[in-house]
Each structure stands twice: as C-alpha cells, then as structure tokens.
Amino acid sequence: MAIIINLDVMMAKRKMSLNELSERVGLTNVNLSILKTGKAKGVRFDTLESICKVLDCQPGDILEYRAKV
C-alpha cells in the first residue's frame, strides 16, 4: 500500500499505550490496532481528528504517502 500509517511512531513519541489512546479516543483496541498495522481500508475524518487531538499532532504526522517503486 502506498499510504503508510505512522500511528505507532506518534504513540511512542507521546509515550502513550494503545490502551490509553483507545480510552481517550473512544475506539476499541482492536479497531486502533487495525489502523496502526495498516490493515484498515479507510479512516473517518472524525476518528482522525480525535486521534490528532489526543496525540497533539497533525494528520500528516500519522498518514504518509510513498510512491510504489
């Protein structure tokens, strides 16, 4: 996939566990894990907004585009 999910990087920078982020964002651990591992087919803007608010970051800190070679 050309879209890279850097959620684990931002969580590490903020020293936040998946459980803590899950509680603060209001998503299940399973759904956040699917997003974190890049297995999600999409992400809702309100979910992205909540994650960015909790992690104090921009969407571009979490989502990255890399062209396939």
PDB file of N, CA and C in Angstrom:
ATOM      1  N   MET A   1       0.837  -1.177   0.000  1.00  0.00           N
ATOM      2  CA  MET A   1       0.000   0.000   0.000  1.00  0.00           C
ATOM      3  C   MET A   1       0.883   1.242   0.000  1.00  0.00           C
ATOM      4  N   ALA A   2       0.498   2.262  -0.711  1.00  0.00           N
ATOM      5  CA  ALA A   2       1.279   3.487  -0.818  1.00  0.00           C
ATOM      6  C   ALA A   2       1.056   4.431   0.362  1.00  0.00           C
ATOM      7  N   ILE A   3       0.004   4.193   1.164  1.00  0.00           N
ATOM      8  CA  ILE A   3      -0.245   5.014   2.345  1.00  0.00           C
ATOM      9  C   ILE A   3       0.350   4.297   3.553  1.00  0.00           C
ATOM     10  N   ILE A   4       1.245   4.983   4.232  1.00  0.00           N
ATOM     11  CA  ILE A   4       1.920   4.441   5.405  1.00  0.00           C
ATOM     12  C   ILE A   4       1.294   5.054   6.651  1.00  0.00           C
ATOM     13  N   ILE A   5       0.982   4.219   7.645  1.00  0.00           N
ATOM     14  CA  ILE A   5       0.396   4.677   8.902  1.00  0.00           C
ATOM     15  C   ILE A   5       1.510   4.753   9.945  1.00  0.00           C
ATOM     16  N   ASN A   6       1.743   5.947  10.462  1.00  0.00           N
ATOM     17  CA  ASN A   6       2.790   6.167  11.465  1.00  0.00           C
ATOM     18  C   ASN A   6       2.208   6.369  12.856  1.00  0.00           C
ATOM     19  N   LEU A   7       1.082   5.741  13.125  1.00  0.00           N
ATOM     20  CA  LEU A   7       0.431   5.900  14.427  1.00  0.00           C
ATOM     21  C   LEU A   7       1.322   5.401  15.556  1.00  0.00           C
ATOM     22  N   ASP A   8       2.001   4.281  15.351  1.00  0.00           N
ATOM     23  CA  ASP A   8       2.886   3.749  16.387  1.00  0.00           C
ATOM     24  C   ASP A   8       4.037   4.694  16.696  1.00  0.00           C
ATOM     25  N   VAL A   9       4.519   5.413  15.682  1.00  0.00           N
ATOM     26  CA  VAL A   9       5.601   6.382  15.881  1.00  0.00           C
ATOM     27  C   VAL A   9       5.126   7.532  16.765  1.00  0.00           C
ATOM     28  N   MET A  10       3.933   8.064  16.463  1.00  0.00           N
ATOM     29  CA  MET A  10       3.395   9.174  17.252  1.00  0.00           C
ATOM     30  C   MET A  10       3.064   8.730  18.673  1.00  0.00           C
ATOM     31  N   MET A  11       2.558   7.515  18.815  1.00  0.00           N
ATOM     32  CA  MET A  11       2.273   6.998  20.161  1.00  0.00           C
ATOM     33  C   MET A  11       3.558   6.873  20.969  1.00  0.00           C
ATOM     34  N   ALA A  12       4.623   6.418  20.340  1.00  0.00           N
ATOM     35  CA  ALA A  12       5.910   6.294  21.034  1.00  0.00           C
ATOM     36  C   ALA A  12       6.452   7.662  21.427  1.00  0.00           C
ATOM     37  N   LYS A  13       6.328   8.639  20.517  1.00  0.00           N
ATOM     38  CA  LYS A  13       6.798   9.998  20.824  1.00  0.00           C
ATOM     39  C   LYS A  13       6.053  10.586  22.009  1.00  0.00           C
ATOM     40  N   ARG A  14       4.777  10.246  22.138  1.00  0.00           N
ATOM     41  CA  ARG A  14       3.941  10.772  23.232  1.00  0.00           C
ATOM     42  C   ARG A  14       3.922   9.842  24.441  1.00  0.00           C
ATOM     43  N   LYS A  15       4.674   8.726  24.333  1.00  0.00           N
ATOM     44  CA  LYS A  15       4.738   7.725  25.402  1.00  0.00           C
ATOM     45  C   LYS A  15       3.347   7.284  25.828  1.00  0.00           C
ATOM     46  N   MET A  16       2.541   6.937  24.812  1.00  0.00           N
ATOM     47  CA  MET A  16       1.157   6.545  25.049  1.00  0.00           C
ATOM     48  C   MET A  16       0.942   5.117  24.556  1.00  0.00           C
ATOM     49  N   SER A  17       0.289   4.323  25.377  1.00  0.00           N
ATOM     50  CA  SER A  17      -0.004   2.940  25.010  1.00  0.00           C
ATOM     51  C   SER A  17      -1.260   2.880  24.143  1.00  0.00           C
ATOM     52  N   LEU A  18      -1.442   1.753  23.496  1.00  0.00           N
ATOM     53  CA  LEU A  18      -2.635   1.542  22.685  1.00  0.00           C
ATOM     54  C   LEU A  18      -3.885   1.591  23.560  1.00  0.00           C
ATOM     55  N   ASN A  19      -3.797   1.023  24.763  1.00  0.00           N
ATOM     56  CA  ASN A  19      -4.937   1.047  25.679  1.00  0.00           C
ATOM     57  C   ASN A  19      -5.313   2.468  26.069  1.00  0.00           C
ATOM     58  N   GLU A  20      -4.325   3.281  26.388  1.00  0.00           N
ATOM     59  CA  GLU A  20      -4.597   4.664  26.782  1.00  0.00           C
ATOM     60  C   GLU A  20      -5.190   5.459  25.619  1.00  0.00           C
ATOM     61  N   LEU A  21      -4.613   5.316  24.435  1.00  0.00           N
ATOM     62  CA  LEU A  21      -5.133   6.020  23.266  1.00  0.00           C
ATOM     63  C   LEU A  21      -6.560   5.556  22.970  1.00  0.00           C
ATOM     64  N   SER A  22      -6.794   4.269  23.080  1.00  0.00           N
ATOM     65  CA  SER A  22      -8.117   3.716  22.847  1.00  0.00           C
ATOM     66  C   SER A  22      -9.152   4.347  23.771  1.00  0.00           C
ATOM     67  N   GLU A  23      -8.842   4.437  25.036  1.00  0.00           N
ATOM     68  CA  GLU A  23      -9.759   5.023  26.015  1.00  0.00           C
ATOM     69  C   GLU A  23     -10.013   6.498  25.729  1.00  0.00           C
ATOM     70  N   ARG A  24      -8.955   7.232  25.410  1.00  0.00           N
ATOM     71  CA  ARG A  24      -9.085   8.675  25.221  1.00  0.00           C
ATOM     72  C   ARG A  24      -9.759   9.041  23.908  1.00  0.00           C
ATOM     73  N   VAL A  25      -9.601   8.185  22.884  1.00  0.00           N
ATOM     74  CA  VAL A  25     -10.214   8.453  21.576  1.00  0.00           C
ATOM     75  C   VAL A  25     -11.633   7.898  21.521  1.00  0.00           C
ATOM     76  N   GLY A  26     -11.891   6.829  22.274  1.00  0.00           N
ATOM     77  CA  GLY A  26     -13.208   6.225  22.260  1.00  0.00           C
ATOM     78  C   GLY A  26     -13.370   5.146  21.207  1.00  0.00           C
ATOM     79  N   LEU A  27     -12.273   4.514  20.837  1.00  0.00           N
ATOM     80  CA  LEU A  27     -12.300   3.376  19.903  1.00  0.00           C
ATOM     81  C   LEU A  27     -11.823   2.127  20.632  1.00  0.00           C
ATOM     82  N   THR A  28     -12.179   0.981  20.102  1.00  0.00           N
ATOM     83  CA  THR A  28     -11.713  -0.264  20.703  1.00  0.00           C
ATOM     84  C   THR A  28     -10.233  -0.475  20.378  1.00  0.00           C
ATOM     85  N   ASN A  29      -9.582  -1.267  21.210  1.00  0.00           N
ATOM     86  CA  ASN A  29      -8.180  -1.620  20.951  1.00  0.00           C
ATOM     87  C   ASN A  29      -8.041  -2.301  19.595  1.00  0.00           C
ATOM     88  N   VAL A  30      -9.015  -3.145  19.263  1.00  0.00           N
ATOM     89  CA  VAL A  30      -8.975  -3.892  18.004  1.00  0.00           C
ATOM     90  C   VAL A  30      -8.997  -2.930  16.818  1.00  0.00           C
ATOM     91  N   ASN A  31      -9.914  -1.961  16.829  1.00  0.00           N
ATOM     92  CA  ASN A  31     -10.002  -1.012  15.712  1.00  0.00           C
ATOM     93  C   ASN A  31      -8.751  -0.157  15.595  1.00  0.00           C
ATOM     94  N   LEU A  32      -8.212   0.293  16.722  1.00  0.00           N
ATOM     95  CA  LEU A  32      -6.965   1.068  16.667  1.00  0.00           C
ATOM     96  C   LEU A  32      -5.805   0.209  16.188  1.00  0.00           C
ATOM     97  N   SER A  33      -5.780  -1.037  16.599  1.00  0.00           N
ATOM     98  CA  SER A  33      -4.715  -1.943  16.165  1.00  0.00           C
ATOM     99  C   SER A  33      -4.777  -2.172  14.655  1.00  0.00           C
ATOM    100  N   ILE A  34      -5.984  -2.321  14.124  1.00  0.00           N
ATOM    101  CA  ILE A  34      -6.157  -2.491  12.673  1.00  0.00           C
ATOM    102  C   ILE A  34      -5.629  -1.263  11.941  1.00  0.00           C
ATOM    103  N   LEU A  35      -5.923  -0.094  12.470  1.00  0.00           N
ATOM    104  CA  LEU A  35      -5.422   1.142  11.862  1.00  0.00           C
ATOM    105  C   LEU A  35      -3.903   1.225  11.983  1.00  0.00           C
ATOM    106  N   LYS A  36      -3.394   0.931  13.170  1.00  0.00           N
ATOM    107  CA  LYS A  36      -1.954   1.040  13.435  1.00  0.00           C
ATOM    108  C   LYS A  36      -1.126   0.120  12.546  1.00  0.00           C
ATOM    109  N   THR A  37      -1.652  -1.059  12.252  1.00  0.00           N
ATOM    110  CA  THR A  37      -0.897  -2.018  11.443  1.00  0.00           C
ATOM    111  C   THR A  37      -1.095  -1.809   9.943  1.00  0.00           C
ATOM    112  N   GLY A  38      -1.906  -0.831   9.577  1.00  0.00           N
ATOM    113  CA  GLY A  38      -2.104  -0.530   8.164  1.00  0.00           C
ATOM    114  C   GLY A  38      -3.089  -1.443   7.471  1.00  0.00           C
ATOM    115  N   LYS A  39      -3.881  -2.188   8.233  1.00  0.00           N
ATOM    116  CA  LYS A  39      -4.844  -3.124   7.650  1.00  0.00           C
ATOM    117  C   LYS A  39      -6.209  -2.486   7.421  1.00  0.00           C
ATOM    118  N   ALA A  40      -6.398  -1.253   7.879  1.00  0.00           N
ATOM    119  CA  ALA A  40      -7.682  -0.568   7.702  1.00  0.00           C
ATOM    120  C   ALA A  40      -7.847  -0.153   6.242  1.00  0.00           C
ATOM    121  N   LYS A  41      -9.058  -0.230   5.754  1.00  0.00           N
ATOM    122  CA  LYS A  41      -9.365   0.183   4.383  1.00  0.00           C
ATOM    123  C   LYS A  41      -9.605   1.685   4.297  1.00  0.00           C
ATOM    124  N   GLY A  42      -9.859   2.318   5.436  1.00  0.00           N
ATOM    125  CA  GLY A  42     -10.110   3.754   5.458  1.00  0.00           C
ATOM    126  C   GLY A  42     -10.183   4.231   6.893  1.00  0.00           C
ATOM    127  N   VAL A  43     -10.236   5.531   7.043  1.00  0.00           N
ATOM    128  CA  VAL A  43     -10.369   6.124   8.376  1.00  0.00           C
ATOM    129  C   VAL A  43     -11.308   7.318   8.254  1.00  0.00           C
ATOM    130  N   ARG A  44     -12.239   7.426   9.189  1.00  0.00           N
ATOM    131  CA  ARG A  44     -13.170   8.542   9.179  1.00  0.00           C
ATOM    132  C   ARG A  44     -12.456   9.799   9.659  1.00  0.00           C
ATOM    133  N   PHE A  45     -12.879  10.940   9.096  1.00  0.00           N
ATOM    134  CA  PHE A  45     -12.249  12.205   9.480  1.00  0.00           C
ATOM    135  C   PHE A  45     -12.447  12.503  10.960  1.00  0.00           C
ATOM    136  N   ASP A  46     -13.603  12.166  11.528  1.00  0.00           N
ATOM    137  CA  ASP A  46     -13.807  12.443  12.949  1.00  0.00           C
ATOM    138  C   ASP A  46     -12.902  11.568  13.821  1.00  0.00           C
ATOM    139  N   THR A  47     -12.613  10.345  13.363  1.00  0.00           N
ATOM    140  CA  THR A  47     -11.670   9.483  14.080  1.00  0.00           C
ATOM    141  C   THR A  47     -10.259  10.050  13.990  1.00  0.00           C
ATOM    142  N   LEU A  48      -9.874  10.471  12.799  1.00  0.00           N
ATOM    143  CA  LEU A  48      -8.555  11.071  12.603  1.00  0.00           C
ATOM    144  C   LEU A  48      -8.414  12.340  13.447  1.00  0.00           C
ATOM    145  N   GLU A  49      -9.472  13.133  13.489  1.00  0.00           N
ATOM    146  CA  GLU A  49      -9.465  14.358  14.297  1.00  0.00           C
ATOM    147  C   GLU A  49      -9.271  14.032  15.780  1.00  0.00           C
ATOM    148  N   SER A  50      -9.980  13.026  16.274  1.00  0.00           N
ATOM    149  CA  SER A  50      -9.855  12.637  17.681  1.00  0.00           C
ATOM    150  C   SER A  50      -8.448  12.153  18.009  1.00  0.00           C
ATOM    151  N   ILE A  51      -7.885  11.341  17.121  1.00  0.00           N
ATOM    152  CA  ILE A  51      -6.523  10.834  17.336  1.00  0.00           C
ATOM    153  C   ILE A  51      -5.533  11.990  17.353  1.00  0.00           C
ATOM    154  N   CYS A  52      -5.676  12.915  16.403  1.00  0.00           N
ATOM    155  CA  CYS A  52      -4.769  14.068  16.344  1.00  0.00           C
ATOM    156  C   CYS A  52      -4.902  14.949  17.586  1.00  0.00           C
ATOM    157  N   LYS A  53      -6.119  15.097  18.068  1.00  0.00           N
ATOM    158  CA  LYS A  53      -6.349  15.915  19.265  1.00  0.00           C
ATOM    159  C   LYS A  53      -5.662  15.290  20.474  1.00  0.00           C
ATOM    160  N   VAL A  54      -5.851  13.987  20.653  1.00  0.00           N
ATOM    161  CA  VAL A  54      -5.266  13.290  21.798  1.00  0.00           C
ATOM    162  C   VAL A  54      -3.741  13.260  21.704  1.00  0.00           C
ATOM    163  N   LEU A  55      -3.206  13.020  20.502  1.00  0.00           N
ATOM    164  CA  LEU A  55      -1.748  12.925  20.336  1.00  0.00           C
ATOM    165  C   LEU A  55      -1.090  14.283  20.078  1.00  0.00           C
ATOM    166  N   ASP A  56      -1.899  15.338  19.985  1.00  0.00           N
ATOM    167  CA  ASP A  56      -1.403  16.686  19.720  1.00  0.00           C
ATOM    168  C   ASP A  56      -0.493  16.687  18.486  1.00  0.00           C
ATOM    169  N   CYS A  57      -1.089  16.267  17.351  1.00  0.00           N
ATOM    170  CA  CYS A  57      -0.324  16.181  16.118  1.00  0.00           C
ATOM    171  C   CYS A  57      -1.208  16.559  14.934  1.00  0.00           C
ATOM    172  N   GLN A  58      -0.639  16.544  13.757  1.00  0.00           N
ATOM    173  CA  GLN A  58      -1.349  16.825  12.513  1.00  0.00           C
ATOM    174  C   GLN A  58      -1.606  15.504  11.786  1.00  0.00           C
ATOM    175  N   PRO A  59      -2.633  15.470  10.919  1.00  0.00           N
ATOM    176  CA  PRO A  59      -2.891  14.246  10.160  1.00  0.00           C
ATOM    177  C   PRO A  59      -1.666  13.757   9.381  1.00  0.00           C
ATOM    178  N   GLY A  60      -0.864  14.669   8.882  1.00  0.00           N
ATOM    179  CA  GLY A  60       0.338  14.301   8.143  1.00  0.00           C
ATOM    180  C   GLY A  60       1.400  13.640   9.005  1.00  0.00           C
ATOM    181  N   ASP A  61       1.284  13.776  10.330  1.00  0.00           N
ATOM    182  CA  ASP A  61       2.203  13.079  11.235  1.00  0.00           C
ATOM    183  C   ASP A  61       1.841  11.596  11.324  1.00  0.00           C
ATOM    184  N   ILE A  62       0.594  11.275  11.019  1.00  0.00           N
ATOM    185  CA  ILE A  62       0.102   9.906  11.136  1.00  0.00           C
ATOM    186  C   ILE A  62       0.038   9.211   9.781  1.00  0.00           C
ATOM    187  N   LEU A  63      -0.383   9.949   8.750  1.00  0.00           N
ATOM    188  CA  LEU A  63      -0.530   9.381   7.412  1.00  0.00           C
ATOM    189  C   LEU A  63       0.572   9.888   6.494  1.00  0.00           C
ATOM    190  N   GLU A  64       1.146   8.992   5.735  1.00  0.00           N
ATOM    191  CA  GLU A  64       2.247   9.347   4.821  1.00  0.00           C
ATOM    192  C   GLU A  64       2.045   8.625   3.500  1.00  0.00           C
ATOM    193  N   TYR A  65       2.318   9.317   2.406  1.00  0.00           N
ATOM    194  CA  TYR A  65       2.243   8.701   1.068  1.00  0.00           C
ATOM    195  C   TYR A  65       3.631   8.393   0.575  1.00  0.00           C
ATOM    196  N   ARG A  66       3.835   7.158   0.129  1.00  0.00           N
ATOM    197  CA  ARG A  66       5.088   6.759  -0.507  1.00  0.00           C
ATOM    198  C   ARG A  66       4.735   6.101  -1.826  1.00  0.00           C
ATOM    199  N   ALA A  67       5.284   6.631  -2.898  1.00  0.00           N
ATOM    200  CA  ALA A  67       5.026   6.062  -4.208  1.00  0.00           C
ATOM    201  C   ALA A  67       5.606   4.660  -4.292  1.00  0.00           C
ATOM    202  N   LYS A  68       4.868   3.776  -4.941  1.00  0.00           N
ATOM    203  CA  LYS A  68       5.371   2.418  -5.137  1.00  0.00           C
ATOM    204  C   LYS A  68       6.439   2.440  -6.215  1.00  0.00           C
ATOM    205  N   VAL A  69       7.478   1.683  -5.982  1.00  0.00           N
ATOM    206  CA  VAL A  69       8.597   1.650  -6.918  1.00  0.00           C
ATOM    207  C   VAL A  69       8.473   0.472  -7.843  1.00  0.00           C
TER     208      VAL A  69
END
